[in-house]
Amino acid sequence: MTMQPVDAAVPNGGFRVPKTAELVAANLRRQIIRGELVEGDSLPPEHQLTETYQVSRPTLREAYRILESERLIEVRRGAKGGARVRLPDADVAARHAGLMLQFERAELSDVYVARAVMEAPAAALAAADPNKEGLRRLEENLAEAERVLSDPLADQSRLPLLSRNFHTIVVEMSGNKTLALFDSMIGTIIDLASKNFVTTQSTMRRPKSTATALKAHKKLYRLIAAGDVEGADALWRQHLDGVSETMTDVVPGTVIDLLS
């Protein structure tokens, strides 16, 4: 593995000069992001890295801690230990987003409005260029959801996950990686809200609310398959607005209430 030298830090009036450990972490991070270091790769021994970067062992270990906090490496202790590369994980961004929303005392309704803003255009993009693989995944999701819903002996707790997966597939079909990332960031909050909603519903009402959602999912599938861009956008926006109104009437009002 070819190691790159640490970029020199040039002070710029008013800007904080990065610590040496931050520069080492930035250099390693850049190699991971660019694919020069891949999942499972072992970093060279500490003595080699300290020589390459001309830093002390404590400085290198501080750089490791930075990358560990970002879940870009995993450090194992002991004789057979060392640092191994991990790929970037959207869960890290999701946790930080959840913390920020809690700190800002964001209303749960904010999250659902953001979801509608992202997912309605995503549905339109999916309809603009419906791909066979995406349609196949939607078909399988709908078939499984219908099977679970119609079988009283089936594990009904799977329905919220199937619903969430349907939304995820639609966003992925848009082909927009930024939308997919943002959608995954609020996905944890949406999942918790859905589980909370299910537990508050009576056994009699659960099948009805799930059937209503499944009906909307089936209609969106048909619109995407038909390439109806405007129809997909309008239907999904209407559906998500309805879900938002229902959910925020039942589950806690703020993100911190939901995650605490």
Protein backbone atom coordinates (compact mmCIF):
# COMPACT_ATOMS: atom_id res chain seq x y z
CA MET A 1 0.00 0.00 0.00
CA THR A 2 1.44 3.37 -1.02
CA MET A 3 1.12 5.96 1.71
CA GLN A 4 0.81 9.63 0.81
CA PRO A 5 2.56 12.41 2.71
CA VAL A 6 0.52 14.60 5.00
CA ASP A 7 -0.56 17.85 3.36
CA ALA A 8 1.13 20.87 4.87
CA ALA A 9 -1.12 23.10 6.92
CA VAL A 10 -0.90 26.75 5.92
CA PRO A 11 -2.31 29.19 8.49
CA ASN A 12 -4.96 31.48 7.07
CA GLY A 13 -5.91 34.49 9.14
CA GLY A 14 -8.72 33.63 11.51
CA PHE A 15 -8.74 29.90 10.71
CA ARG A 16 -7.68 27.22 13.17
CA VAL A 17 -4.61 25.28 12.08
CA PRO A 18 -5.49 21.55 12.15
CA LYS A 19 -3.70 19.38 14.66
CA THR A 20 -1.20 16.89 13.28
CA ALA A 21 -3.45 13.97 14.22
CA GLU A 22 -6.31 15.58 12.25
CA LEU A 23 -4.05 15.88 9.20
CA VAL A 24 -3.04 12.23 9.42
CA ALA A 25 -6.70 11.21 9.82
CA ALA A 26 -7.65 13.40 6.84
CA ASN A 27 -5.00 11.75 4.68
CA LEU A 28 -6.15 8.24 5.57
CA ARG A 29 -9.80 9.25 5.21
CA ARG A 30 -9.14 10.56 1.71
CA GLN A 31 -7.57 7.26 0.68
CA ILE A 32 -10.60 5.35 2.01
CA ILE A 33 -13.09 7.61 0.25
CA ARG A 34 -11.18 7.37 -3.03
CA GLY A 35 -11.07 3.59 -2.84
CA GLU A 36 -7.30 3.41 -2.46
CA LEU A 37 -7.97 1.57 0.81
CA VAL A 38 -10.87 -0.86 0.68
CA GLU A 39 -13.10 -2.69 3.14
CA GLY A 40 -11.09 -5.12 5.25
CA ASP A 41 -7.67 -3.77 4.33
CA SER A 42 -5.22 -3.75 7.21
CA LEU A 43 -3.32 -0.53 7.73
CA PRO A 44 0.47 -0.94 7.98
CA PRO A 45 1.98 -1.47 11.45
CA GLU A 46 2.10 1.58 13.72
CA HIS A 47 5.90 1.88 13.51
CA GLN A 48 5.68 2.07 9.71
CA LEU A 49 2.96 4.72 9.77
CA THR A 50 4.78 6.84 12.34
CA GLU A 51 7.81 6.82 10.03
CA THR A 52 5.73 7.55 6.93
CA TYR A 53 3.95 10.51 8.51
CA GLN A 54 6.85 11.55 10.74
CA VAL A 55 4.63 11.60 13.83
CA SER A 56 4.75 10.10 17.31
CA ARG A 57 2.80 6.99 18.27
CA PRO A 58 0.38 8.99 20.52
CA THR A 59 -0.36 11.30 17.57
CA LEU A 60 -1.05 8.34 15.29
CA ARG A 61 -3.35 6.78 17.88
CA GLU A 62 -5.23 10.06 18.18
CA ALA A 63 -5.73 9.96 14.39
CA TYR A 64 -7.01 6.40 14.79
CA ARG A 65 -9.53 7.56 17.40
CA ILE A 66 -10.83 10.20 14.98
CA LEU A 67 -11.34 7.61 12.24
CA GLU A 68 -12.85 5.13 14.72
CA SER A 69 -15.41 7.75 15.77
CA GLU A 70 -16.35 8.09 12.10
CA ARG A 71 -16.48 4.28 11.80
CA LEU A 72 -13.96 4.33 8.96
CA ILE A 73 -11.58 1.97 10.72
CA GLU A 74 -11.84 -0.72 13.36
CA VAL A 75 -8.92 -1.06 15.76
CA ARG A 76 -8.35 -4.40 17.42
CA ARG A 77 -6.08 -4.61 20.42
CA GLY A 78 -3.59 -7.34 21.27
CA ALA A 79 -0.77 -9.21 19.55
CA LYS A 80 -2.85 -9.92 16.43
CA GLY A 81 -4.58 -6.58 16.51
CA GLY A 82 -4.26 -3.55 14.27
CA ALA A 83 -6.43 -1.18 12.26
CA ARG A 84 -8.73 -2.41 9.50
CA VAL A 85 -10.60 -0.28 6.99
CA ARG A 86 -14.41 -0.01 7.07
CA LEU A 87 -16.57 1.54 4.38
CA PRO A 88 -18.51 4.74 5.17
CA ASP A 89 -21.80 3.93 6.88
CA ALA A 90 -24.97 6.01 6.52
CA ASP A 91 -25.93 4.99 10.07
CA VAL A 92 -23.26 7.36 11.40
CA ALA A 93 -24.85 10.30 9.58
CA ALA A 94 -28.28 9.15 10.74
CA ARG A 95 -27.23 9.16 14.39
CA HIS A 96 -25.76 12.63 14.12
CA ALA A 97 -28.88 13.87 12.34
CA GLY A 98 -31.03 12.40 15.11
CA LEU A 99 -28.92 14.11 17.78
CA MET A 100 -29.15 17.46 16.00
CA LEU A 101 -32.91 17.16 15.60
CA GLN A 102 -33.23 16.33 19.29
CA PHE A 103 -31.04 19.28 20.24
CA GLU A 104 -33.13 21.60 18.07
CA ARG A 105 -36.33 20.22 19.65
CA ALA A 106 -37.58 19.49 16.14
CA GLU A 107 -41.21 18.51 15.82
CA LEU A 108 -41.93 15.08 14.38
CA SER A 109 -44.04 16.88 11.79
CA ASP A 110 -40.83 18.53 10.53
CA VAL A 111 -39.40 15.10 9.74
CA TYR A 112 -42.51 14.06 7.83
CA VAL A 113 -42.58 17.31 5.85
CA ALA A 114 -38.93 16.75 4.91
CA ARG A 115 -39.77 13.19 3.92
CA ALA A 116 -42.52 14.39 1.57
CA VAL A 117 -40.22 17.03 0.08
CA MET A 118 -37.66 14.31 -0.72
CA GLU A 119 -39.80 11.32 -1.61
CA ALA A 120 -42.42 12.86 -3.89
CA PRO A 121 -39.81 14.10 -6.39
CA ALA A 122 -37.99 10.76 -5.97
CA ALA A 123 -41.16 8.95 -7.05
CA ALA A 124 -41.36 11.25 -10.08
CA LEU A 125 -37.74 10.52 -10.98
CA ALA A 126 -38.40 6.78 -10.61
CA ALA A 127 -41.37 7.06 -13.00
CA ALA A 128 -39.30 9.07 -15.48
CA ASP A 129 -37.01 6.09 -15.96
CA PRO A 130 -38.46 2.95 -14.36
CA ASN A 131 -35.86 0.19 -14.31
CA LYS A 132 -36.71 -3.50 -14.35
CA GLU A 133 -34.73 -4.37 -11.24
CA GLY A 134 -36.45 -1.66 -9.19
CA LEU A 135 -39.89 -2.72 -10.41
CA ARG A 136 -39.08 -6.33 -9.55
CA ARG A 137 -38.11 -5.33 -6.00
CA LEU A 138 -41.33 -3.33 -5.62
CA GLU A 139 -43.37 -6.29 -6.86
CA GLU A 140 -41.73 -8.63 -4.36
CA ASN A 141 -42.26 -6.14 -1.54
CA LEU A 142 -45.96 -5.72 -2.37
CA ALA A 143 -46.51 -9.47 -2.71
CA GLU A 144 -44.89 -10.13 0.69
CA ALA A 145 -46.83 -7.32 2.38
CA GLU A 146 -50.09 -8.65 0.97
CA ARG A 147 -49.23 -12.18 2.09
CA VAL A 148 -48.45 -11.08 5.65
CA LEU A 149 -51.53 -8.89 5.85
CA SER A 150 -53.87 -11.66 4.65
CA ASP A 151 -52.42 -14.35 6.93
CA PRO A 152 -53.61 -14.04 10.56
CA LEU A 153 -50.81 -16.40 11.62
CA ALA A 154 -48.08 -14.34 9.97
CA ASP A 155 -45.79 -12.03 11.94
CA GLN A 156 -47.66 -8.74 11.60
CA SER A 157 -44.75 -6.82 13.12
CA ARG A 158 -43.00 -7.19 9.76
CA LEU A 159 -45.44 -4.85 8.05
CA PRO A 160 -43.84 -1.55 9.16
CA LEU A 161 -40.46 -2.79 7.92
CA LEU A 162 -41.93 -3.86 4.58
CA SER A 163 -43.57 -0.46 4.25
CA ARG A 164 -40.31 1.31 5.04
CA ASN A 165 -38.47 -0.86 2.51
CA PHE A 166 -40.99 0.08 -0.16
CA HIS A 167 -40.22 3.76 0.41
CA THR A 168 -36.49 3.04 0.32
CA ILE A 169 -36.76 1.20 -3.01
CA VAL A 170 -38.70 4.09 -4.55
CA VAL A 171 -36.02 6.57 -3.48
CA GLU A 172 -33.23 4.31 -4.74
CA MET A 173 -35.04 4.02 -8.09
CA SER A 174 -34.75 7.79 -8.46
CA GLY A 175 -31.05 7.26 -9.08
CA ASN A 176 -30.23 10.27 -6.89
CA LYS A 177 -27.64 9.25 -4.30
CA THR A 178 -28.09 12.46 -2.29
CA LEU A 179 -31.82 11.84 -1.89
CA ALA A 180 -31.09 8.23 -0.90
CA LEU A 181 -28.62 9.35 1.78
CA PHE A 182 -30.95 11.98 3.24
CA ASP A 183 -33.80 9.47 3.21
CA SER A 184 -31.70 6.95 5.14
CA MET A 185 -30.71 9.66 7.65
CA ILE A 186 -34.30 10.22 8.72
CA GLY A 187 -35.19 6.56 8.27
CA THR A 188 -34.37 5.69 11.90
CA ILE A 189 -36.80 8.33 13.14
CA ILE A 190 -39.49 7.20 10.68
CA ASP A 191 -39.02 3.58 11.75
CA LEU A 192 -39.40 4.44 15.44
CA ALA A 193 -42.48 6.53 14.74
CA SER A 194 -44.02 3.67 12.75
CA LYS A 195 -43.37 1.15 15.52
CA ASN A 196 -44.80 3.57 18.06
CA PHE A 197 -47.86 4.05 15.88
CA VAL A 198 -48.40 0.29 15.53
CA THR A 199 -48.22 -0.29 19.29
CA THR A 200 -50.81 2.42 19.95
CA GLN A 201 -53.29 1.03 17.45
CA SER A 202 -55.91 -1.47 18.47
CA THR A 203 -55.80 -4.93 16.95
CA MET A 204 -58.93 -4.01 14.99
CA ARG A 205 -57.48 -0.82 13.47
CA ARG A 206 -54.03 -2.11 12.49
CA PRO A 207 -55.12 -4.15 9.43
CA LYS A 208 -57.22 -1.23 8.18
CA SER A 209 -54.38 1.33 8.36
CA THR A 210 -51.94 -1.13 6.81
CA ALA A 211 -54.36 -2.00 4.02
CA THR A 212 -54.78 1.71 3.25
CA ALA A 213 -51.02 2.16 2.96
CA LEU A 214 -50.68 -0.97 0.84
CA LYS A 215 -53.34 0.32 -1.53
CA ALA A 216 -51.34 3.53 -2.04
CA HIS A 217 -48.15 1.51 -2.56
CA LYS A 218 -49.81 -0.60 -5.26
CA LYS A 219 -51.11 2.48 -7.04
CA LEU A 220 -47.68 4.13 -6.96
CA TYR A 221 -46.13 0.97 -8.39
CA ARG A 222 -48.57 1.09 -11.32
CA LEU A 223 -47.84 4.78 -11.96
CA ILE A 224 -44.08 4.24 -11.89
CA ALA A 225 -44.35 1.20 -14.17
CA ALA A 226 -46.46 3.26 -16.59
CA GLY A 227 -43.96 6.13 -16.55
CA ASP A 228 -46.55 8.59 -15.23
CA VAL A 229 -44.24 11.22 -13.73
CA GLU A 230 -46.89 13.76 -12.70
CA GLY A 231 -49.21 11.08 -11.38
CA ALA A 232 -46.48 9.47 -9.27
CA ASP A 233 -45.45 12.83 -7.79
CA ALA A 234 -49.03 13.86 -6.98
CA LEU A 235 -50.07 10.50 -5.51
CA TRP A 236 -46.98 10.13 -3.33
CA ARG A 237 -47.19 13.69 -2.06
CA GLN A 238 -50.86 13.18 -1.16
CA HIS A 239 -50.11 9.85 0.52
CA LEU A 240 -47.19 11.20 2.54
CA ASP A 241 -49.19 14.23 3.64
CA GLY A 242 -51.90 11.89 4.88
CA VAL A 243 -49.39 9.70 6.71
CA SER A 244 -47.86 12.79 8.32
CA GLU A 245 -51.22 13.99 9.58
CA THR A 246 -52.11 10.57 10.98
CA MET A 247 -48.75 9.88 12.61
CA THR A 248 -48.30 13.26 14.26
CA ASP A 249 -51.77 12.93 15.80
CA VAL A 250 -50.78 9.67 17.50
CA VAL A 251 -47.03 9.64 18.28
CA PRO A 252 -45.04 12.13 20.41
CA GLY A 253 -44.73 15.69 19.14
CA THR A 254 -40.94 16.05 19.09
CA VAL A 255 -38.04 13.92 17.94
CA ILE A 256 -36.53 13.96 21.43
CA ASP A 257 -39.77 12.51 22.84
CA LEU A 258 -39.59 9.70 20.32
CA LEU A 259 -35.90 8.86 20.75
CA SER A 260 -35.64 9.32 24.51
